[in-house]
């Protein structure tokens, strides 16, 4: 009799303890068949994302256990979860874990409940596994969520091993938020932390509302470019002119200007690598020729001096490599020539007579407009870029006398994007 009473008392204590641990709150579940069932869910203040939940249809109703394979979503109080099959890339902030013999950074597919953090044009999800490692995933539209990755690399130096952590997620985010000028950067300077990521994604989801376009998504991003650098310009006169026989050194001097960089803000990653650069550069050229002994008495010297504003349009393709984006481009230019003070001088040694006249002779003027074509190779880092341009332009003079003055330009330019 005493034994029976003892067992009953023990059973009551266990039941009371279990009931005390239960925390049923109002919520709902959505089955894989699409049925929405409202009731109460045992909310256990999960640290790791749950793989199963306990659902009760009504007060005192039957308890049903649902696993991640049986539900497409559930919500309890202020938390919402949804079932997705995602690809996860393991990582760890603990070097001891990464250098362990059983560590593997290979990706794997798994079906889990993701916790909703914020939603909009971009939706941010969170997943914490049983080992207390947090993963953040980003979703566009109805596509499957994609992990924002942190990547570990082990570098072995003899008996020692160093762990290098790459913040790949900052470059992933750069592609997603490029359409919002408020936060567009590469890489995006944001911590791998829920509040920081939520603030960034919320800013993007609100970007374009009101003053930035009435809620419509921008199709392109436009950055203002400020250029500075050097120009190396070479001319080689030819044809029926004394300037043909004089040596003309190349001109080297400063150049600079303004431009815009236009990139697609929507579409595939490959599409976003293309860009259109439109700029204008100002050049002030001045170079003196060498001496040409025309005959026994006469010596020829020339001076080429003019200013130009050059309009350029360039199609550019960039390929991201870590922090850097090497790029190639091709383009066309058109130069507006003005303030021409070019001249040539003949000195007669027999009587010290000096004759000055326009370069290439009277009636021969520099071409007002001069089209050209160029190729570009460069490297971008964050908002900075360095590039080299090789350009060939039409003849510097516009005449039917047979004089030819081709121009070759080499530009070394640095630019900052605003």
Protein backbone atom coordinates (compact mmCIF):
# COMPACT_ATOMS: atom_id res chain seq x y z
CA UNK A 1 0.00 0.00 0.00
CA UNK A 2 2.81 2.39 0.92
CA UNK A 3 4.60 1.52 -2.33
CA UNK A 4 1.48 2.33 -4.36
CA UNK A 5 1.04 5.69 -2.63
CA UNK A 6 4.71 6.45 -3.23
CA UNK A 7 4.44 5.71 -6.96
CA UNK A 8 1.33 7.86 -7.27
CA UNK A 9 3.03 10.74 -5.49
CA UNK A 10 6.10 10.44 -7.72
CA UNK A 11 3.93 10.38 -10.88
CA UNK A 12 2.08 13.51 -9.75
CA UNK A 13 5.35 15.33 -9.09
CA UNK A 14 6.72 14.40 -12.54
CA UNK A 15 3.47 15.50 -14.22
CA UNK A 16 3.49 18.81 -12.40
CA UNK A 17 7.12 19.39 -13.36
CA UNK A 18 6.42 18.66 -17.04
CA UNK A 19 3.36 20.92 -17.01
CA UNK A 20 5.38 23.66 -15.38
CA UNK A 21 7.93 23.46 -18.22
CA UNK A 22 5.28 23.77 -20.90
CA UNK A 23 4.68 27.25 -22.31
CA UNK A 24 1.71 27.15 -24.66
CA UNK A 25 1.11 30.38 -26.54
CA UNK A 26 -1.34 31.35 -29.27
CA UNK A 27 -0.09 30.57 -32.74
CA UNK A 28 -0.74 28.67 -35.92
CA UNK A 29 0.85 26.07 -38.16
CA UNK A 30 0.74 25.65 -41.95
CA UNK A 31 1.00 22.05 -43.07
CA UNK A 32 2.81 20.95 -46.20
CA UNK A 33 -0.64 20.39 -47.70
CA UNK A 34 -1.44 24.09 -47.31
CA UNK A 35 -3.87 23.81 -44.37
CA UNK A 36 -3.63 26.52 -41.71
CA UNK A 37 -4.45 25.31 -38.19
CA UNK A 38 -4.84 27.78 -35.36
CA UNK A 39 -4.26 26.80 -31.76
CA UNK A 40 -1.49 26.90 -29.20
CA UNK A 41 2.20 26.08 -29.59
CA UNK A 42 4.56 25.08 -26.84
CA UNK A 43 7.07 27.94 -27.08
CA UNK A 44 10.27 26.84 -25.39
CA UNK A 45 12.27 30.06 -25.87
CA UNK A 46 14.46 28.21 -28.32
CA UNK A 47 18.15 29.08 -28.55
CA UNK A 48 18.75 26.86 -31.56
CA UNK A 49 16.07 26.81 -34.25
CA UNK A 50 13.66 23.98 -33.42
CA UNK A 51 13.42 20.88 -35.56
CA UNK A 52 10.02 19.95 -34.11
CA UNK A 53 7.18 21.69 -32.27
CA UNK A 54 4.28 20.61 -30.07
CA UNK A 55 0.90 21.91 -31.21
CA UNK A 56 -2.42 21.82 -29.36
CA UNK A 57 -5.59 22.54 -31.34
CA UNK A 58 -7.48 24.05 -28.37
CA UNK A 59 -7.37 24.44 -24.64
CA UNK A 60 -6.80 20.98 -23.22
CA UNK A 61 -6.88 19.48 -26.70
CA UNK A 62 -4.75 16.70 -28.08
CA UNK A 63 -1.06 17.45 -28.43
CA UNK A 64 0.44 16.83 -31.85
CA UNK A 65 4.18 16.82 -32.62
CA UNK A 66 5.10 18.31 -36.00
CA UNK A 67 8.57 17.96 -37.52
CA UNK A 68 10.20 20.21 -40.08
CA UNK A 69 9.18 17.83 -42.87
CA UNK A 70 5.48 18.09 -41.91
CA UNK A 71 5.11 21.88 -41.81
CA UNK A 72 5.81 24.65 -44.28
CA UNK A 73 5.54 27.37 -41.61
CA UNK A 74 4.47 28.18 -38.09
CA UNK A 75 4.21 31.27 -35.92
CA UNK A 76 3.95 31.79 -32.19
CA UNK A 77 3.61 35.16 -30.48
CA UNK A 78 5.99 37.52 -32.30
CA UNK A 79 8.12 34.89 -34.01
CA UNK A 80 7.55 33.34 -37.43
CA UNK A 81 9.35 30.34 -38.88
CA UNK A 82 9.30 28.77 -42.30
CA UNK A 83 10.60 25.47 -43.58
CA UNK A 84 13.19 25.63 -46.38
CA UNK A 85 15.70 23.30 -47.92
CA UNK A 86 18.88 25.37 -48.02
CA UNK A 87 22.58 24.94 -48.73
CA UNK A 88 24.74 25.66 -45.69
CA UNK A 89 28.49 26.29 -45.67
CA UNK A 90 29.86 25.46 -42.18
CA UNK A 91 32.13 27.98 -40.48
CA UNK A 92 33.39 28.69 -36.99
CA UNK A 93 34.85 31.66 -35.13
CA UNK A 94 36.89 29.25 -33.00
CA UNK A 95 40.31 28.42 -34.57
CA UNK A 96 40.50 25.22 -32.50
CA UNK A 97 37.33 23.94 -34.19
CA UNK A 98 38.50 24.81 -37.70
CA UNK A 99 41.92 23.16 -37.28
CA UNK A 100 40.50 19.97 -35.76
CA UNK A 101 40.98 16.82 -37.78
CA UNK A 102 37.26 16.17 -38.18
CA UNK A 103 36.45 19.69 -39.44
CA UNK A 104 34.94 20.05 -42.89
CA UNK A 105 33.90 23.27 -44.56
CA UNK A 106 32.08 21.48 -47.39
CA UNK A 107 28.55 22.64 -48.06
CA UNK A 108 25.53 20.43 -47.48
CA UNK A 109 21.80 20.62 -48.10
CA UNK A 110 19.39 20.46 -45.19
CA UNK A 111 15.74 21.19 -44.43
CA UNK A 112 15.31 23.47 -41.43
CA UNK A 113 12.98 26.01 -39.85
CA UNK A 114 14.32 29.49 -40.61
CA UNK A 115 13.36 32.34 -38.29
CA UNK A 116 12.08 35.48 -39.98
CA UNK A 117 14.05 38.61 -39.04
CA UNK A 118 12.72 41.17 -41.53
CA UNK A 119 10.91 41.09 -44.86
CA UNK A 120 10.41 43.26 -47.94
CA UNK A 121 12.10 43.33 -51.31
CA UNK A 122 14.84 41.46 -49.49
CA UNK A 123 13.96 39.04 -46.69
CA UNK A 124 16.45 38.23 -43.94
CA UNK A 125 16.29 34.86 -42.16
CA UNK A 126 18.23 33.49 -39.21
CA UNK A 127 19.25 29.95 -38.31
CA UNK A 128 21.17 28.86 -35.22
CA UNK A 129 22.26 25.22 -35.18
CA UNK A 130 22.72 22.86 -32.24
CA UNK A 131 26.39 23.89 -31.86
CA UNK A 132 25.35 27.55 -31.36
CA UNK A 133 26.63 28.71 -34.77
CA UNK A 134 24.42 31.40 -36.31
CA UNK A 135 23.72 31.56 -40.04
CA UNK A 136 22.02 34.45 -41.81
CA UNK A 137 20.27 33.91 -45.14
CA UNK A 138 18.90 36.37 -47.67
CA UNK A 139 15.94 35.82 -49.98
CA UNK A 140 14.80 37.68 -53.09
CA UNK A 141 11.19 37.18 -54.13
CA UNK A 142 10.23 33.51 -54.20
CA UNK A 143 13.77 32.24 -54.69
CA UNK A 144 15.32 29.94 -52.10
CA UNK A 145 17.19 31.75 -49.31
CA UNK A 146 20.95 32.06 -49.86
CA UNK A 147 23.42 31.93 -46.99
CA UNK A 148 25.43 35.09 -46.29
CA UNK A 149 28.74 33.35 -45.98
CA UNK A 150 31.70 33.54 -43.65
CA UNK A 151 34.47 31.35 -45.01
CA UNK A 152 37.36 29.76 -43.09
CA UNK A 153 40.73 28.95 -44.66
CA UNK A 154 43.50 27.03 -42.90
CA UNK A 155 47.05 28.06 -43.88
CA UNK A 156 49.71 25.60 -42.76
CA UNK A 157 53.22 26.84 -41.95
CA UNK A 158 55.22 23.78 -40.99
CA UNK A 159 53.86 22.55 -37.68
CA UNK A 160 51.73 25.65 -37.16
CA UNK A 161 48.32 26.36 -38.67
CA UNK A 162 46.72 29.76 -39.07
CA UNK A 163 43.01 30.30 -39.66
CA UNK A 164 41.99 33.07 -42.06
CA UNK A 165 38.37 34.20 -42.00
CA UNK A 166 36.97 35.77 -45.19
CA UNK A 167 33.86 37.94 -44.89
CA UNK A 168 32.36 36.81 -48.18
CA UNK A 169 28.93 38.06 -47.06
CA UNK A 170 30.06 41.70 -47.40
CA UNK A 171 30.55 41.21 -51.15
CA UNK A 172 27.31 39.23 -51.48
CA UNK A 173 25.46 42.12 -49.85
CA UNK A 174 27.17 44.60 -52.18
CA UNK A 175 25.46 42.92 -55.14
CA UNK A 176 22.07 42.87 -53.40
CA UNK A 177 22.00 46.49 -52.17
CA UNK A 178 23.83 48.20 -55.06
CA UNK A 179 20.58 49.90 -56.13
CA UNK A 180 20.39 51.92 -52.91
CA UNK A 181 22.84 54.82 -52.90
CA UNK A 182 22.50 55.23 -49.11
CA UNK A 183 24.23 51.91 -48.40
CA UNK A 184 25.81 50.93 -51.73
CA UNK A 185 29.45 50.03 -51.13
CA UNK A 186 31.86 47.24 -51.93
CA UNK A 187 32.38 45.56 -49.59
CA UNK A 188 29.43 46.58 -47.42
CA UNK A 189 30.82 47.54 -43.97
CA UNK A 190 28.38 45.65 -41.73
CA UNK A 191 28.91 43.20 -38.88
CA UNK A 192 27.66 39.61 -39.09
CA UNK A 193 25.14 40.34 -36.36
CA UNK A 194 21.35 40.31 -36.39
CA UNK A 195 20.65 43.93 -35.50
CA UNK A 196 23.28 45.30 -37.89
CA UNK A 197 22.08 43.16 -40.79
CA UNK A 198 18.42 43.94 -40.04
CA UNK A 199 19.15 47.67 -40.07
CA UNK A 200 20.94 47.35 -43.42
CA UNK A 201 18.17 45.28 -45.04
CA UNK A 202 15.45 47.56 -43.64
CA UNK A 203 17.27 50.55 -45.12
CA UNK A 204 17.38 48.82 -48.49
CA UNK A 205 13.72 47.83 -48.33
CA UNK A 206 12.78 51.46 -47.64
CA UNK A 207 15.20 52.85 -50.22
CA UNK A 208 13.40 54.36 -53.20
CA UNK A 209 10.29 55.24 -51.21
CA UNK A 210 9.27 58.90 -51.35
CA UNK A 211 12.17 61.12 -52.40
CA UNK A 212 14.05 58.34 -54.15
CA UNK A 213 11.52 57.30 -56.73
CA UNK A 214 8.04 56.71 -55.33
CA UNK A 215 8.71 53.13 -54.25
CA UNK A 216 9.86 51.89 -57.64
CA UNK A 217 13.06 49.92 -57.76
CA UNK A 218 15.89 51.71 -59.49
CA UNK A 219 17.06 50.03 -62.66
CA UNK A 220 20.54 51.58 -62.62
CA UNK A 221 22.97 53.11 -60.16
CA UNK A 222 24.82 56.29 -61.08
CA UNK A 223 28.05 57.43 -59.42
CA UNK A 224 29.84 60.71 -59.98
CA UNK A 225 33.53 60.25 -60.87
CA UNK A 226 36.33 62.74 -60.24
CA UNK A 227 39.42 62.06 -62.38
CA UNK A 228 43.04 63.10 -62.02
CA UNK A 229 46.19 61.83 -63.68
CA UNK A 230 48.77 62.28 -66.42
CA UNK A 231 48.73 62.39 -70.20
CA UNK A 232 51.54 61.22 -72.48
CA UNK A 233 50.79 62.49 -76.00
CA UNK A 234 52.89 61.82 -79.10
CA UNK A 235 52.55 63.39 -82.57
CA UNK A 236 54.39 62.47 -85.74
CA UNK A 237 53.80 64.96 -88.57
CA UNK A 238 54.05 63.68 -92.11
CA UNK A 239 53.51 64.92 -95.64
CA UNK A 240 54.54 68.12 -97.38
CA UNK A 241 55.68 70.19 -94.40
CA UNK A 242 59.02 71.09 -92.80
CA UNK A 243 57.59 69.87 -89.49
CA UNK A 244 57.90 66.34 -90.86
CA UNK A 245 61.69 66.51 -90.61
CA UNK A 246 61.91 67.99 -87.12
CA UNK A 247 62.00 65.78 -84.06
CA UNK A 248 58.88 66.12 -81.90
CA UNK A 249 59.23 64.80 -78.34
CA UNK A 250 56.16 63.47 -76.55
CA UNK A 251 54.22 65.76 -74.25
CA UNK A 252 53.71 64.70 -70.63
CA UNK A 253 51.52 66.68 -68.29
CA UNK A 254 48.57 66.63 -65.89
CA UNK A 255 44.98 65.98 -66.87
CA UNK A 256 41.69 65.74 -65.02
CA UNK A 257 37.94 65.90 -65.33
CA UNK A 258 34.54 64.67 -64.28
CA UNK A 259 32.35 61.75 -65.30
CA UNK A 260 29.55 59.40 -64.37
CA UNK A 261 29.60 55.63 -63.94
CA UNK A 262 26.29 53.91 -64.78
CA UNK A 263 25.70 50.27 -63.77
CA UNK A 264 22.66 47.95 -63.90
CA UNK A 265 21.01 47.56 -60.48
CA UNK A 266 18.81 44.60 -61.41
CA UNK A 267 19.35 41.29 -63.13
CA UNK A 268 22.03 38.62 -62.83
CA UNK A 269 25.43 39.11 -61.23
CA UNK A 270 27.06 38.85 -64.65
CA UNK A 271 24.84 41.67 -65.95
CA UNK A 272 25.82 43.88 -63.03
CA UNK A 273 29.49 43.56 -63.97
CA UNK A 274 28.93 45.75 -67.01
CA UNK A 275 29.09 49.51 -66.76
CA UNK A 276 29.02 52.64 -68.88
CA UNK A 277 31.46 55.46 -68.09
CA UNK A 278 30.89 58.89 -69.62
CA UNK A 279 33.50 61.53 -68.82
CA UNK A 280 35.13 64.75 -69.98
CA UNK A 281 38.87 65.49 -69.58
CA UNK A 282 40.72 68.78 -69.91
CA UNK A 283 44.21 68.80 -71.49
CA UNK A 284 46.63 71.72 -71.97
CA UNK A 285 49.33 70.58 -74.39
CA UNK A 286 52.55 72.38 -75.26
CA UNK A 287 55.65 70.86 -76.89
CA UNK A 288 58.61 72.30 -78.82
CA UNK A 289 60.19 70.52 -81.76
CA UNK A 290 63.86 69.92 -82.25
CA UNK A 291 65.95 71.98 -84.71
CA UNK A 292 65.77 71.12 -88.40
CA UNK A 293 68.51 72.54 -90.65
CA UNK A 294 66.45 73.23 -93.74
CA UNK A 295 69.36 74.54 -95.80
CA UNK A 296 72.77 76.12 -95.34
CA UNK A 297 71.27 79.26 -93.80
CA UNK A 298 67.78 78.43 -92.53
CA UNK A 299 66.94 76.61 -89.29
CA UNK A 300 63.39 75.42 -88.57
CA UNK A 301 61.80 75.08 -85.10
CA UNK A 302 58.16 74.54 -84.27
CA UNK A 303 55.85 74.73 -81.28
CA UNK A 304 52.63 72.79 -80.84
CA UNK A 305 50.40 74.41 -78.22
CA UNK A 306 46.65 74.09 -77.78
CA UNK A 307 43.94 73.23 -75.26
CA UNK A 308 41.26 70.59 -75.61
CA UNK A 309 38.21 69.24 -73.84
CA UNK A 310 37.75 65.57 -74.59
CA UNK A 311 34.43 63.76 -74.26
CA UNK A 312 34.69 59.99 -73.74
CA UNK A 313 32.18 57.18 -73.63
CA UNK A 314 33.41 53.81 -72.41
CA UNK A 315 31.85 50.35 -72.07
CA UNK A 316 33.44 48.58 -69.13
CA UNK A 317 33.37 45.00 -67.81
CA UNK A 318 34.61 44.26 -64.27
CA UNK A 319 35.28 40.89 -62.64
CA UNK A 320 35.41 40.79 -58.81
CA UNK A 321 38.42 39.08 -57.25
CA UNK A 322 38.17 39.42 -53.48
CA UNK A 323 38.51 43.08 -52.54
CA UNK A 324 39.48 44.11 -56.07
CA UNK A 325 37.66 44.40 -59.38
CA UNK A 326 39.95 44.35 -62.43
CA UNK A 327 38.20 45.65 -65.53
CA UNK A 328 38.57 46.07 -69.27
CA UNK A 329 36.91 48.64 -71.46
CA UNK A 330 36.62 50.05 -74.96
CA UNK A 331 35.46 53.49 -75.90
CA UNK A 332 35.19 56.39 -78.29
CA UNK A 333 36.26 59.98 -77.82
CA UNK A 334 35.83 63.35 -79.48
CA UNK A 335 38.18 66.26 -78.76
CA UNK A 336 37.21 69.92 -78.98
CA UNK A 337 40.36 71.92 -79.75
CA UNK A 338 40.59 75.61 -78.79
CA UNK A 339 43.10 78.33 -77.87
CA UNK A 340 45.54 77.20 -80.55
CA UNK A 341 48.84 79.12 -80.27
CA UNK A 342 50.93 76.72 -82.36
CA UNK A 343 53.62 78.31 -84.52
CA UNK A 344 56.76 77.67 -86.52
CA UNK A 345 59.89 79.77 -86.82
CA UNK A 346 62.57 80.11 -89.52
CA UNK A 347 65.89 81.66 -88.51
CA UNK A 348 68.21 82.88 -91.28
CA UNK A 349 71.81 82.69 -90.06
CA UNK A 350 73.10 84.94 -92.85
CA UNK A 351 71.23 88.06 -91.75
CA UNK A 352 69.63 87.01 -88.40
CA UNK A 353 66.17 87.28 -89.89
CA UNK A 354 63.40 85.47 -88.00
CA UNK A 355 60.18 84.56 -89.76
CA UNK A 356 57.22 83.42 -87.67
CA UNK A 357 54.04 81.90 -89.06
CA UNK A 358 51.30 79.45 -88.07
CA UNK A 359 52.42 75.87 -87.63
CA UNK A 360 52.32 73.91 -90.91
CA UNK A 361 52.04 77.18 -92.84
CA UNK A 362 49.43 79.79 -93.56
CA UNK A 363 45.88 78.56 -94.09
CA UNK A 364 46.45 75.27 -92.25
CA UNK A 365 44.46 75.15 -89.02
CA UNK A 366 44.07 72.50 -86.35
CA UNK A 367 40.91 70.42 -86.64
CA UNK A 368 38.13 71.82 -84.47
CA UNK A 369 36.80 68.35 -83.60
CA UNK A 370 38.89 65.19 -83.55
CA UNK A 371 37.25 61.77 -83.03
CA UNK A 372 39.19 58.84 -81.64
CA UNK A 373 38.99 55.35 -80.11
CA UNK A 374 40.66 53.87 -77.05
CA UNK A 375 41.11 50.73 -74.99
CA UNK A 376 41.16 50.55 -71.19
CA UNK A 377 42.63 48.28 -68.54
CA UNK A 378 42.16 49.07 -64.86
CA UNK A 379 41.60 48.02 -61.29
CA UNK A 380 38.89 49.16 -58.86
CA UNK A 381 38.96 48.97 -55.05
CA UNK A 382 35.95 50.14 -53.07
CA UNK A 383 35.27 53.65 -54.45
CA UNK A 384 38.71 54.08 -55.99
CA UNK A 385 39.86 53.04 -59.43
CA UNK A 386 43.07 53.19 -61.44
CA UNK A 387 43.07 52.86 -65.20
CA UNK A 388 45.27 53.17 -68.23
CA UNK A 389 43.90 54.29 -71.61
CA UNK A 390 45.54 53.88 -74.99
CA UNK A 391 43.99 56.22 -77.58
CA UNK A 392 44.42 56.97 -81.27
CA UNK A 393 42.71 60.01 -82.73
CA UNK A 394 42.08 61.43 -86.18
CA UNK A 395 44.65 63.83 -87.69
CA UNK A 396 45.34 66.98 -85.75
CA UNK A 397 45.01 69.13 -88.87
CA UNK A 398 42.14 69.46 -91.30
CA UNK A 399 43.64 70.12 -94.72
CA UNK A 400 43.80 68.80 -98.25
CA UNK A 401 47.50 69.64 -98.71
CA UNK A 402 48.64 66.14 -97.77
CA UNK A 403 49.82 67.00 -94.26
CA UNK A 404 49.15 64.22 -91.75
CA UNK A 405 49.47 64.60 -87.98
CA UNK A 406 48.24 61.44 -86.20
CA UNK A 407 48.03 61.62 -82.40
CA UNK A 408 48.63 58.81 -79.91
CA UNK A 409 47.66 59.34 -76.26
CA UNK A 410 48.39 57.34 -73.15
CA UNK A 411 46.35 58.26 -70.06
CA UNK A 412 47.08 57.15 -66.49
CA UNK A 413 44.02 58.07 -64.44
CA UNK A 414 42.87 57.73 -60.85
CA UNK A 415 39.17 58.21 -60.06
CA UNK A 416 37.01 58.42 -56.96
CA UNK A 417 33.31 57.56 -57.11
CA UNK A 418 30.74 59.52 -55.10
